[in-house]
Amino acid sequence: MISFQARANGELSHRLGNGIEAALVSFGSGLAIIAIVAIFSSSIKEGVRNIRTSVVRKELPAWTLFAGMLGGSFVAVQTHIVPLIGVAIYSVASIAGQTAASLVVDRIGLTGGGKKHITPRRIAAAAFTVFAVFVSVFDRLDAHDVSIVAVLLGCLAGALVGVQRSLNGKINEHSHQSYATSFLNFTMGTTFLVIFLAATLIFGSSKVVPLPAGPWWMYTGGVLGVIYIAMASMIVQHLGVLTFTLFSVGGQLVGSLLIDIFSPTDGVQISIYLVVGIAMTYLGVIVGGVNNSQSRKRLTQ
């Protein structure tokens, strides 16, 4: 799902020539969709009330409500640095940041599912998965004129996603409704991007252009984001951020393979590196001990 969303947002960004505007269109459309659904859904309304009640009672820290801004930051960073370092290197950097952050947030228990051990097995699984992603894009790497700062920003963007997932899991523990959590995320993310875009317009570094005509699927980033965030916030509190990230990476690679088969971009061909990388990623999931109860054991305070 992440791969398809990235393709849609990337196509929209390319046609608009403004990554921030593309990110805002994606987040804004997602917010509009879930807001309309919420009007007719008593369970989503109840979930939002549960969040408010938990914050008022100080059962849920108010700062966790800003998780959606991390998602907005991720998309904003993504749209700016991919043209500098390419999708392949960005993917490696982003996933490295995600897996590293996942270890930390699992250890301190931000998910709401309790603290989890950082064992050598979990560290090895994370490192192996990062290496698998590197293998999958090996034939696409072009290290010439690579911006180290952009690579580091890619790692930071990935880390933001890892933290966002953990906070969403914590929020979902109180909302008891994953789409209510998703609604909160899109509200905060859209607000952040509106402020960000306004700032770039004020300082004259960008301009807003009319939405282009083009393939319908380039406007699906919002709805895919709604579904993904809702599913992630519900699942991550049970699996932990690291295990969810390992599964997510595998799905991202499979999605990339399907895109390359059915909707390839110019100059992109399916390679043995991608196929091997997908296989290695799922091996990394097994190494991570997804079904091992010890990997999900809670630590006492």
Foldseek 3Di string as FASTA:
>chain_A
DVQLLCVLLQVQCVVFVHQLVSLLLQLVVLLVVLVVVVVVDPLLVLLLVLLVVCCVVVVAPPVLLLLLQLVLVLSNLVSPLCVQFNPLLLVLLLLLLLLVLLLVCLQVQLQLLFHFDPDPLLVVLSVLLSVLSCLQCVVVGDPPNHDPVSSNVSSVSSSSVNNSLSSLNNSCVRSVALLSSLSSSSVSSSVSSVVVVVVCVVVVNDDGDDRDDDDPSSSCSSVVSSVVSSVSSNPCSPQGSNLVSLVVSLVSLVSVVVCCVPPNDPPDHRDPSSVSSSVSSVVSSVSNPSVDVNRSDHDDD
